[in-house]
Structure formats: structure tokens, C-alpha cells
Amino acid sequence: MAKFSHSKLNLFFLLLLISLLTTAAAPAGRRHPLDPLSSDEIELIRSLVINSIRNLSTTDVTFQYVALTDPNKQYVLSWLSNPKTSPPPRRATAIVRYNSSTHEILIDLDKKAIISNRVYSGPAYSMFTLSELLDAVALPQSHPPFVAAMNKRRLKVKDVICACYSVGWFGEKMKQRRMVKLQCYYSNGSVNLYMRPVEGVTVTVDLDQMKIIGFRDRYEAPVPKADGTEYRPSMLKPPFLPPLNGVKMVQPEGPSFKVNDHTISWSNWELHVGFDKRAGPIISLASIYDLEKQKRRQVMYKGFISELFVPYMDLTEEWYYRTFFDVGEYGLGQYAASLEPLRDCPENAVFMDTYIAAGDGRPMKMANTFCIFERHAGDIMWRHTERAIPNRIIKETRAEVSLVVRMVATVANYDYVLDWEFKQSGSIIATVGLTGLLGVKASKYTHRDQIEEEVYGTLIAENTIGVNHDHFFTYYLDLDVDGGTNSFVKSNLRTVRPPNPDNPRKSYWTVVSETAKTEADARIKFGRQEAELVVVNPNRRTRMGNPVGYRLIPKSTVGPLLSVDDYPQIRAAFTNYNVWVTPYNISEKWASGLYTDQSRGNDTLATWTLRNREIEEKDIVMWYTMGFHHVPCQEDFPLMPTLSRGFELRPTNFFESNPVLKATPPRPINCTICPL
């Protein structure tokens, strides 16, 4: 349930919402079919699973992934058109590990019964749980070779903290144990432990048996000093930047949006905010009210981050396997941070709690998972000054106000600020902010001039190499533009010569559009050709005859630089193209496959599209990969300023004209510089 910071809504705005919007919230007593699992539902799942397993202690059962099973899309849309009818069956999927086997268990939450229990026999594994990773990092403290290695380095063992890293897959033919490798850090003198790696020591842990199965102390490197690594204000020493005057975001009449459980109504938008242990935020059923047509129109059925691939470029024994899949191996939702008012979110934000299933299956509350707020940052929605009319100057400006849904995932050293922003103009903007701490390597070097070998990164502080790496965010975007039957159009911009050789101009560019008929036609690598990429509904046209659509405006055109035969890239082949388009398939949700840990790349977005299915005038899904090549620099030390990128889904011939021409600006409050 949502937890609110404000209790009052503007009465006029509330009446306007009621008159314009058809709320997609479930009637009292019924859950919205896309609502995330509740605490009671998670407890029910645990009880059903545990009771179905005989002769096993509950400590021998690990709930790796528990989630709402996607209901039939047509059933959801049918219910949405008439919420008084019965909602689709509510089911859950639990991936559970016991007896050294992985079980996929399907549960009917309405009937409180297990439907099926299937054993997965493939080479990969499901995501890690927080509890097992915490158990694993505690093992080295009592492992004599590890203690000896720390004593040899004159480090206090109690101040050594380890982190678990997935081991990947590098061509092994036989199925490997379910295991992780531990790399350790020194916290003595600083809480910024990731800036103080203990290099050369690797511990391997079997997660099923929860014991150390490998130890290697290959070499020593100086542990970077603690000085200069602090980031807490109370621990920093002068001088400081000049303080700024106070800022206050005030909405005396409350926010302009309404939250009903997980359904949000704001201005001309309505959407559903879901949550998943693996994906984190899931935006569903985003629709916009068309003022001219006087009706609500579909835009996006579902959008979320399907995978986050983070390969590091260091080839040494302690680093080569650090090629992480942060969604499929660790889970963005599992690592959701509890957002702090006034720090992570502005004063006018409303907060929302969620639940996940812990490793033992019990519900775990994730407080302040989301914040929802109106952003009024001084941006301009539209404006014009007209001076051409004699004796008159006409000036019109509208301030930009947007709705933001935010979550932050802290996955080990990195913090990811995940925003979904909705504009009154119809645009949806997804933004990722990278901050937190770099992955660094201890080194003997204290100055760049000393380096005479490949160090795979930048010397950012004494004895500290910031290792080169990538971040590739693959978004799942199930656009239903004015309905479910859509096509993908590439509008290529081509330079041509004038047909008349006597024309003073020697060239111009024109638009040559082509509709992708199959999946192969829709694969796009940015940088090869200028093009507009539009999802259209060919059966809905404007009065001018243009098909209604939404176009992708990427703000990152980065692609992978790893060779296609490199094992991490085989697993992450879904990043080989920036854009893919597939026919909707309820089972095709995770770009890296349902089982990602130690996966071999044989169940990914790239392999699904080898069927080259038809996508013209179908219910289609667009997948967009947004990348960062991160070459660390000294400004990233000891903590990174936020680096942001994103993309925009923008209406293209969706409306008959500018949809915000009649937008009403917010009423000024105690304004001292307001225009007359």
C-alpha cells in the first residue's frame, strides 16, 4: 500500500480528474491484476511451498526468486475496460532451490494451491539471495589460510569485508557448481571500503554447501590509504564550497496527482507502478487523455529494465570474470535503497513501500522503495515571442511540470538512480543516473609516469586504478500505441541531389520510410545511418492521414566493444544491437534469459530473434539498449558525481496538434516576481 506524505488534494483538480479519467484501480476488496505481491501473498507462497516439501528442514530451502506471474495480457485489457468484472487469475512464480535442484513452482493465489512444480535441468542458475551472500562473506573470517594472508599483509581481520561476485561462464562444457568468488576490502580508517581493495586474494564459495572450496593468494599490492576516501559531511575537513541559500518546494494544496494503491493519475496521464525483485520498477498501462478526442488512449502496456550488463576490462586472474548481469544475477529490486525525503527526493514527494520474498521465503518490507513527485525545475514547455506585428509584442510561455517515479538500486559499489518521467506533452522519459563508488584495483603505482604496462584503467589516486568498464541497460518496452496492433517504421534520412540541375542548391535530405516486416528488419545499430524509429498503429490515422505513433529518441548510441566470440559477449549478445523488435510473447521477458547466473547465451533476446518472426501489424515489443563506456577519471574519486543518460518516447502524429497548447500553468504561491 502507498504511504503518503500529504493528506490534501486540490478539490478543483480532484473533480477535474474524476470528470476526465477512468480509473484503472481495482474495486474495493480486489487487487489490481498487476499489483506486486503483498506481504500476505508472499507468506502464503512460502507456506504452500514449505508444506509441499517433505523430509526437509526449512533451512535447506532457498527462495531465489518469487514474483507475480504475468497475467494474460488480453484478460488484463478486458478487465481494464470494465473493472467491475472479475480480474484475471492471480498467480505467482517461485524459483526455489532444494536438494541441489532448482524448482519452478507455479501458485494460484486465488485458490491458494500449487499448480505445478517443474525441475529446471539447464546449465545456469537463478539470482542470488541477500541472505546467502551474507552467509558467504562471513566464511573467510574463520578460514585459516585467509586469516594468515591478512596477517601477512598486517591487516586486522575483523576490519576486512568481502563481497560476492558471480563467476560467469568461460566455455566450460560441464555444469559448474553454484558458486561465487569473494574479493575483499579493508574498512579500517574509512567506511569507503571499495576504495581500499585487498588485491591478490580470491576465495571461492559453494553456495549450496555454504563452504569455501577454493583459496588463492597470488600476490600482494599496497592497500590504498584511507586518507581522502571519506564522503560523509561530518568527517570532511574545510575548506567547503560556499553554502547555497535555502530552497523550498511547496504545494499547500497537496500534489496534483492521485495515488490509488499502485495506480497513479496525474494531469492527462494514468499509469500503474509495479515492482519486481529482479527488475525493480515496472511501469504498466500508461495511457494519456486526449483533450480534443475527449478519450483516453493507450501508449505503453509495460516498460522496465530487463537486464543490466556490466563487464570490466581487466584480464588478470582476479578480475577477468567480473562481467556482471545486475538484473539477472543480483536483482535491482532486491537492492532497492530506502529513499530519504529531502535528499533522494524533493519535499513534495509521496513515498511507496513494497515487499520482496527473502531467501527463507518470508516477506521483507522495502520501505520507501519509490518516490513520486512533480518536477518543476524551471524548464520551458513551450514559448514564443512575436515582434513582426506592427506596434505589438506578443509573448507566451508555459512552464514545464512533469511527473517523476523514482527508485534507487544500490548494487554493491554502484548506485543507480532510475527515473520514469511523464510530460503533459505525451512524452515518456526514462533516465539512469550512475553514482556511488568505482570498482578499483590496488596497484603499486603512485604516479602515471611509473606505469609501463597495461593496467586496464586510470590511476585515479595513489595505488588506486579505476578499472575501465561498461554499463548496458536493456529496456523492455511493450508499446501499445492506440491499441495492440502496431508496426515498426524506420524513417531513414537520406541526402539527395535536386532533380533540377539548375537549382541553386546542390543537395537536401528527405525521409524514406520502410516498415519492418520481420525481426531481422528491425535490428538497429546506431551510428550507421540517420533514422527516426517509430512504433505506429497503421490502423489509426490523424485527419491529415498520418499513422499515429511514438518514436524513440535515444540519448545514448553506445554499443559493445567486446568481440562477438568473447564469452561474456556471447552471454550478452542482446547488446549487439541498440534496438530489437519482437512479437509479444509472455515468456520473453528477460533479455539474458530466466536463468542468468553462469548462463551460456542460449536463451536470450538474441537467440529468440533467430526465428525471424513477423512483426508487421502485430502486438510488438521494442527492446532498447542504452550504454555507457566508463573510462574512470580522478573526479570519480572517492565517490562519483552522478552521470546520467536516458531516452525519450515521444508522440509522433499521435495528436492532431500540440496537446499542451491549452495546458494550465500551476498557480503561483506567494509570488514576488509574478507578471502582471
Foldseek 3Di string as FASTA:
>chain_A
DFFFPDDFADPVLVVVCVVQDDDQAAPPPDHQLQAKDAQVLLVLVLVQVVVVDPPDDLVQKWFQFKTKADFDPVQNVVCSVPNVDDGTFTKMWTFMDHPNWTWTWIAGSVVSHTDDIDTDDDQFFFADFPVLQVLLFVALLPPVVSVVLCVVVVADSVQKTKGWFFQAAFPDPDRDAQKTKIWIFGCVLHVLGLLFTFPQWIWMARSSVGHTDDITRGDGFHGDDNPQQYDDPVPDDDDDDDDDDDDADDDPRAASWDQDNQWIDHDFWIWGWHQGQQFGTKIAQIWGQFPVVSHIFFWFGIKTFQWKWKAFDDCDPVHRRRTDTCRGHPGQRSQWAQDDEVPRDDPRKTFGKDWTQGGSSRIDIHHRQKIKDKDQPFAWPDWDWDDPDPPDIDIDTFGWIKMKIWIWGDDPFKIWIWIWIATLQGKTWIKIKIKGAANKDFHNAADPVVDDDDPQADCQHGRIGRHWMKIKTKMKTQTQGRHQFKWKKKFFWDKDADPDPPDPDGIDIDTDMDIDFWQVSWFAQPPPTDIWIWIFQQVDAAPVGHTKTWTKFFQARDADPDDCPGQSCLLVVVRRTQKTKDADDSLQRRQSHSGNRNDRNCHGPVNVRVVGDTRHRGSMIMMGMGMDGDRDHNCPPPMHDIDMTIMMTGIDNSHNDRSCPVPDHDDDDPDPPDDD
